[in-house]
């Protein structure tokens, strides 16, 4: 697998040395082509709602004026290095992760509250194997979250939002583009997808592997293949341990950590106590996917 800007041009926004290049016409028209679409383009949806917190975006009714204003905002965010400065982690999600995530289904639904979403929020970027990229970061000056969704290198949805404890997800302004879709209410669904992945990352069984910038990994422990990272940023491969067979042939160090150890109290009832595990060296292992072990 190769991680290159030609395949993922949106990742230039997260590279301090590359984000300025997005201002060049060729890159901007690639990433933000939706702003240059004809106003009558079928399936192209622009929507503005409310007033931005910085007061610079009044209620917009003229489509061309709206496009100009949003292009100027995006130009400011790029030139200021907003994404490169705030987004620390870029996660690559292979097909096996998507399969495990879909299998979980609505099991995480009870956790979907504004309080939990705000607690687990991470200024990060998810790069899915199918070409979709989800990115969200907190924008301090506007006191709101900034969300972008790309598909095959093209911006498909963009909106700012907040997490209100009383009413849940709210957006101050939103511009969305989704060819073939006639409704303009899908931005909220995309944002919920972002937090659903964060919830799965927090509560599921995960395996992580960092591919350093400008490095080649002869054989990824997770992907099982050679990985060339030609980007100027580190990328973390994130996978679910339930549906992945992982082979780690070399030994590795396990750092000291706390663990809630199941145990019985004096009355013979099961409880847990917090214990500390000292650092130790662990030998390599071959671990079958959990679902395979269950089937056997």
Protein backbone atom coordinates (compact mmCIF):
# COMPACT_ATOMS: atom_id res chain seq x y z
CA UNK A 1 0.00 0.00 0.00
CA UNK A 2 1.18 3.52 -0.79
CA UNK A 3 0.22 6.69 1.05
CA UNK A 4 0.81 9.56 -1.38
CA UNK A 5 -0.60 13.06 -1.83
CA UNK A 6 -1.66 12.27 -5.38
CA UNK A 7 -4.10 9.71 -3.95
CA UNK A 8 -5.03 11.70 -0.84
CA UNK A 9 -4.58 15.40 -1.74
CA UNK A 10 -6.73 16.41 1.24
CA UNK A 11 -3.93 15.28 3.57
CA UNK A 12 -1.89 18.25 2.40
CA UNK A 13 -4.09 20.28 4.75
CA UNK A 14 -2.56 18.39 7.68
CA UNK A 15 1.07 18.81 6.63
CA UNK A 16 2.66 22.09 7.74
CA UNK A 17 5.03 22.01 4.77
CA UNK A 18 2.29 21.24 2.24
CA UNK A 19 -0.82 23.15 3.38
CA UNK A 20 0.31 26.35 1.65
CA UNK A 21 0.39 24.49 -1.66
CA UNK A 22 -3.35 23.94 -1.43
CA UNK A 23 -3.74 27.65 -2.22
CA UNK A 24 -2.41 26.96 -5.69
CA UNK A 25 -5.21 26.85 -8.26
CA UNK A 26 -4.71 23.22 -9.29
CA UNK A 27 -4.94 21.88 -5.75
CA UNK A 28 -7.81 24.13 -4.70
CA UNK A 29 -9.91 23.17 -7.69
CA UNK A 30 -9.24 19.52 -6.95
CA UNK A 31 -10.19 19.71 -3.28
CA UNK A 32 -12.85 22.41 -3.33
CA UNK A 33 -14.33 21.87 -6.77
CA UNK A 34 -17.83 22.10 -5.31
CA UNK A 35 -17.36 25.86 -4.91
CA UNK A 36 -16.76 26.22 -8.63
CA UNK A 37 -19.76 24.22 -9.80
CA UNK A 38 -22.41 25.97 -11.83
CA UNK A 39 -25.25 27.04 -9.57
CA UNK A 40 -27.62 24.86 -11.58
CA UNK A 41 -25.47 21.72 -11.36
CA UNK A 42 -27.74 18.78 -10.65
CA UNK A 43 -27.26 17.18 -7.28
CA UNK A 44 -25.11 20.00 -5.92
CA UNK A 45 -26.48 21.35 -2.66
CA UNK A 46 -25.40 24.47 -0.83
CA UNK A 47 -26.98 25.41 2.45
CA UNK A 48 -26.32 28.20 4.91
CA UNK A 49 -28.13 28.33 8.22
CA UNK A 50 -27.88 30.85 11.01
CA UNK A 51 -25.02 33.19 11.75
CA UNK A 52 -21.40 32.23 12.31
CA UNK A 53 -20.08 33.01 15.78
CA UNK A 54 -17.43 35.38 14.44
CA UNK A 55 -20.20 37.52 12.92
CA UNK A 56 -18.66 37.52 9.45
CA UNK A 57 -21.31 35.31 7.85
CA UNK A 58 -24.78 36.83 7.92
CA UNK A 59 -27.83 34.93 6.72
CA UNK A 60 -27.02 34.29 3.07
CA UNK A 61 -29.57 34.19 0.29
CA UNK A 62 -27.48 34.82 -2.82
CA UNK A 63 -25.78 31.61 -3.92
CA UNK A 64 -22.80 33.25 -5.61
CA UNK A 65 -22.20 35.51 -2.62
CA UNK A 66 -22.34 32.48 -0.34
CA UNK A 67 -19.77 30.62 -2.43
CA UNK A 68 -17.40 33.59 -2.43
CA UNK A 69 -17.64 33.99 1.33
CA UNK A 70 -17.02 30.34 2.06
CA UNK A 71 -14.10 30.19 -0.34
CA UNK A 72 -12.56 33.13 1.52
CA UNK A 73 -13.07 31.38 4.87
CA UNK A 74 -11.49 28.17 3.60
CA UNK A 75 -8.59 30.15 2.13
CA UNK A 76 -8.03 31.71 5.55
CA UNK A 77 -8.10 28.31 7.27
CA UNK A 78 -5.57 26.93 4.80
CA UNK A 79 -3.21 29.91 4.87
CA UNK A 80 -3.26 30.03 8.67
CA UNK A 81 -2.32 26.34 8.87
CA UNK A 82 -5.38 25.65 11.03
CA UNK A 83 -5.67 21.95 10.21
CA UNK A 84 -1.94 21.23 10.33
CA UNK A 85 -1.68 22.96 13.72
CA UNK A 86 -4.69 21.33 15.38
CA UNK A 87 -5.07 17.82 13.94
CA UNK A 88 -2.50 15.58 15.62
CA UNK A 89 -3.57 12.08 14.55
CA UNK A 90 -4.27 10.72 11.08
CA UNK A 91 -5.80 7.23 11.21
CA UNK A 92 -5.96 4.88 8.23
CA UNK A 93 -8.93 2.49 8.54
CA UNK A 94 -8.56 -0.71 6.46
CA UNK A 95 -11.48 -2.74 5.13
CA UNK A 96 -11.36 -5.09 8.13
CA UNK A 97 -11.99 -2.12 10.46
CA UNK A 98 -15.02 -1.04 8.43
CA UNK A 99 -16.37 -4.61 8.50
CA UNK A 100 -16.01 -4.82 12.28
CA UNK A 101 -17.51 -1.36 12.73
CA UNK A 102 -20.54 -2.22 10.62
CA UNK A 103 -20.97 -5.52 12.46
CA UNK A 104 -21.29 -3.67 15.76
CA UNK A 105 -24.34 -1.91 14.29
CA UNK A 106 -26.38 0.14 16.75
CA UNK A 107 -24.80 -1.33 19.90
CA UNK A 108 -23.11 2.02 20.58
CA UNK A 109 -26.34 4.01 20.21
CA UNK A 110 -26.97 4.28 24.00
CA UNK A 111 -23.67 6.17 24.31
CA UNK A 112 -24.67 8.84 21.80
CA UNK A 113 -25.17 11.83 24.09
CA UNK A 114 -23.70 15.32 23.63
CA UNK A 115 -21.76 14.91 26.88
CA UNK A 116 -20.11 11.67 25.72
CA UNK A 117 -19.44 13.04 22.24
CA UNK A 118 -17.75 16.12 23.68
CA UNK A 119 -15.75 13.93 26.07
CA UNK A 120 -14.41 11.58 23.38
CA UNK A 121 -13.85 14.24 20.72
CA UNK A 122 -10.43 14.15 19.18
CA UNK A 123 -9.11 16.61 16.62
CA UNK A 124 -8.21 13.93 14.12
CA UNK A 125 -8.64 12.61 10.60
CA UNK A 126 -9.98 9.20 9.53
CA UNK A 127 -8.83 7.97 6.10
CA UNK A 128 -11.06 5.09 5.04
CA UNK A 129 -9.92 2.39 2.61
CA UNK A 130 -12.71 3.33 0.15
CA UNK A 131 -11.36 6.84 -0.48
CA UNK A 132 -13.49 8.69 2.07
CA UNK A 133 -11.79 11.01 4.55
CA UNK A 134 -13.50 12.43 7.65
CA UNK A 135 -11.90 15.30 9.56
CA UNK A 136 -13.06 17.30 12.56
CA UNK A 137 -11.26 19.91 14.65
CA UNK A 138 -12.16 22.50 17.27
CA UNK A 139 -11.99 26.08 16.04
CA UNK A 140 -11.30 28.22 19.08
CA UNK A 141 -12.08 31.65 17.63
CA UNK A 142 -15.55 30.52 16.54
CA UNK A 143 -16.13 28.27 19.57
CA UNK A 144 -17.36 25.44 17.37
CA UNK A 145 -16.21 22.25 15.64
CA UNK A 146 -15.18 22.31 12.01
CA UNK A 147 -16.06 19.21 9.94
CA UNK A 148 -14.89 18.19 6.47
CA UNK A 149 -15.69 15.10 4.44
CA UNK A 150 -13.80 14.21 1.25
CA UNK A 151 -14.48 11.47 -1.27
CA UNK A 152 -11.72 10.49 -3.70
CA UNK A 153 -9.98 13.81 -3.00
CA UNK A 154 -13.04 16.03 -3.52
CA UNK A 155 -14.75 17.97 -0.74
CA UNK A 156 -18.26 16.55 -0.38
CA UNK A 157 -19.48 18.04 2.90
CA UNK A 158 -18.40 20.94 5.05
CA UNK A 159 -20.07 22.38 8.10
CA UNK A 160 -19.46 23.85 11.52
CA UNK A 161 -21.34 22.45 14.49
CA UNK A 162 -21.59 22.38 18.24
CA UNK A 163 -22.71 19.91 20.89
CA UNK A 164 -25.45 21.49 22.95
CA UNK A 165 -26.20 19.56 26.19
CA UNK A 166 -29.92 20.32 25.82
CA UNK A 167 -30.59 19.94 22.11
CA UNK A 168 -27.64 17.84 20.96
CA UNK A 169 -25.97 18.48 17.61
CA UNK A 170 -26.46 21.99 16.28
CA UNK A 171 -24.84 23.72 13.31
CA UNK A 172 -24.37 27.44 12.84
CA UNK A 173 -23.73 27.25 9.13
CA UNK A 174 -23.40 24.43 6.68
CA UNK A 175 -22.37 23.96 3.09
CA UNK A 176 -22.81 20.49 1.66
CA UNK A 177 -22.35 18.94 -1.73
CA UNK A 178 -23.45 15.43 -2.56
CA UNK A 179 -24.07 14.61 -6.24
CA UNK A 180 -27.28 12.72 -6.76
CA UNK A 181 -28.78 13.69 -3.40
CA UNK A 182 -31.69 16.11 -3.28
CA UNK A 183 -32.01 16.58 0.48
CA UNK A 184 -29.60 18.74 2.43
CA UNK A 185 -29.86 17.15 5.87
CA UNK A 186 -27.11 14.54 5.58
CA UNK A 187 -24.37 16.62 7.21
CA UNK A 188 -25.57 15.59 10.68
CA UNK A 189 -25.43 11.93 9.67
CA UNK A 190 -21.82 12.29 8.53
CA UNK A 191 -20.84 13.97 11.80
CA UNK A 192 -22.51 11.16 13.76
CA UNK A 193 -20.50 8.67 11.67
CA UNK A 194 -17.32 10.45 12.76
CA UNK A 195 -18.28 10.11 16.45
CA UNK A 196 -19.47 6.55 15.95
CA UNK A 197 -15.96 5.65 14.80
CA UNK A 198 -14.51 7.48 17.81
CA UNK A 199 -16.81 5.51 20.13
CA UNK A 200 -15.84 2.23 18.48
CA UNK A 201 -12.16 3.21 18.80
CA UNK A 202 -12.62 3.92 22.52
CA UNK A 203 -14.73 0.93 23.54
CA UNK A 204 -13.76 -1.74 20.98
CA UNK A 205 -10.69 -3.97 20.86
CA UNK A 206 -8.18 -2.09 18.72
CA UNK A 207 -4.76 -2.64 17.24
CA UNK A 208 -2.65 0.39 16.30
CA UNK A 209 0.51 0.67 14.24
CA UNK A 210 2.27 3.93 13.35
CA UNK A 211 3.78 4.32 9.88
CA UNK A 212 6.34 7.16 10.18
CA UNK A 213 6.49 9.93 7.59
CA UNK A 214 8.72 9.26 4.59
CA UNK A 215 9.33 5.69 5.73
CA UNK A 216 8.77 2.23 4.28
CA UNK A 217 7.56 -0.63 6.47
CA UNK A 218 8.57 -3.91 4.76
CA UNK A 219 5.63 -5.74 6.31
CA UNK A 220 2.88 -4.04 8.27
CA UNK A 221 1.94 -5.99 11.40
CA UNK A 222 -1.72 -5.11 10.82
CA UNK A 223 -2.10 -4.93 7.04
CA UNK A 224 0.26 -7.83 6.35
CA UNK A 225 1.85 -6.06 3.39
CA UNK A 226 4.51 -3.53 2.50
CA UNK A 227 3.54 0.06 3.27
CA UNK A 228 5.22 3.11 1.74
CA UNK A 229 4.37 6.36 3.50
CA UNK A 230 5.48 9.11 1.13
CA UNK A 231 3.57 11.75 3.11
CA UNK A 232 5.24 14.33 5.30
CA UNK A 233 3.16 13.19 8.29
CA UNK A 234 2.88 10.05 10.39
CA UNK A 235 -0.14 7.84 9.78
CA UNK A 236 -1.54 5.39 12.33
CA UNK A 237 -3.16 2.21 11.02
CA UNK A 238 -6.19 1.48 13.20
CA UNK A 239 -7.88 -1.92 13.09
CA UNK A 240 -10.36 -3.91 15.13
CA UNK A 241 -8.93 -6.93 16.91
CA UNK A 242 -12.17 -8.89 16.65
CA UNK A 243 -11.94 -9.61 12.94
CA UNK A 244 -8.23 -9.45 12.25
CA UNK A 245 -5.60 -12.18 12.54
CA UNK A 246 -2.44 -10.45 13.79
CA UNK A 247 1.05 -11.89 13.53
CA UNK A 248 3.86 -10.28 15.50
CA UNK A 249 7.01 -12.31 15.03
CA UNK A 250 9.40 -10.01 16.87
CA UNK A 251 9.41 -9.37 20.60
CA UNK A 252 8.35 -6.03 22.03
CA UNK A 253 8.31 -4.12 25.31
CA UNK A 254 5.10 -3.64 27.28
CA UNK A 255 5.16 -0.48 29.38
CA UNK A 256 3.93 -0.41 32.95
CA UNK A 257 0.19 0.12 33.24
CA UNK A 258 -2.80 -0.11 35.53
CA UNK A 259 -5.47 -2.76 35.13
CA UNK A 260 -8.84 -3.45 36.72
CA UNK A 261 -8.29 -7.05 37.82
CA UNK A 262 -11.38 -9.28 38.41
CA UNK A 263 -11.26 -10.82 41.88
CA UNK A 264 -13.51 -12.07 44.71
CA UNK A 265 -14.06 -10.20 47.92
CA UNK A 266 -14.22 -11.75 51.41
CA UNK A 267 -17.85 -12.74 50.84
CA UNK A 268 -16.98 -14.55 47.62
CA UNK A 269 -18.61 -11.97 45.33
CA UNK A 270 -16.90 -10.98 42.13
CA UNK A 271 -15.52 -7.45 42.07
CA UNK A 272 -12.53 -5.61 40.59
CA UNK A 273 -9.47 -3.96 42.04
CA UNK A 274 -6.98 -1.65 40.42
CA UNK A 275 -3.53 -3.24 40.10
CA UNK A 276 -0.29 -2.09 38.51
CA UNK A 277 1.54 -4.25 35.95
CA UNK A 278 5.28 -3.67 35.87
CA UNK A 279 7.01 -3.17 32.50
CA UNK A 280 8.03 -6.43 30.86
CA UNK A 281 9.29 -7.90 27.56
CA UNK A 282 6.77 -9.89 25.56
CA UNK A 283 7.63 -12.44 22.90
CA UNK A 284 6.10 -12.37 19.45
CA UNK A 285 2.77 -14.05 18.93
CA UNK A 286 0.25 -15.14 16.30
CA UNK A 287 -3.28 -14.25 17.38
CA UNK A 288 -6.28 -15.46 15.43
CA UNK A 289 -9.21 -13.13 14.99
CA UNK A 290 -11.66 -13.44 17.86
CA UNK A 291 -14.49 -14.61 15.63
CA UNK A 292 -12.28 -17.42 14.25
CA UNK A 293 -11.41 -18.58 17.75
CA UNK A 294 -15.07 -18.63 18.70
CA UNK A 295 -15.99 -20.67 15.63
CA UNK A 296 -13.35 -23.24 16.48
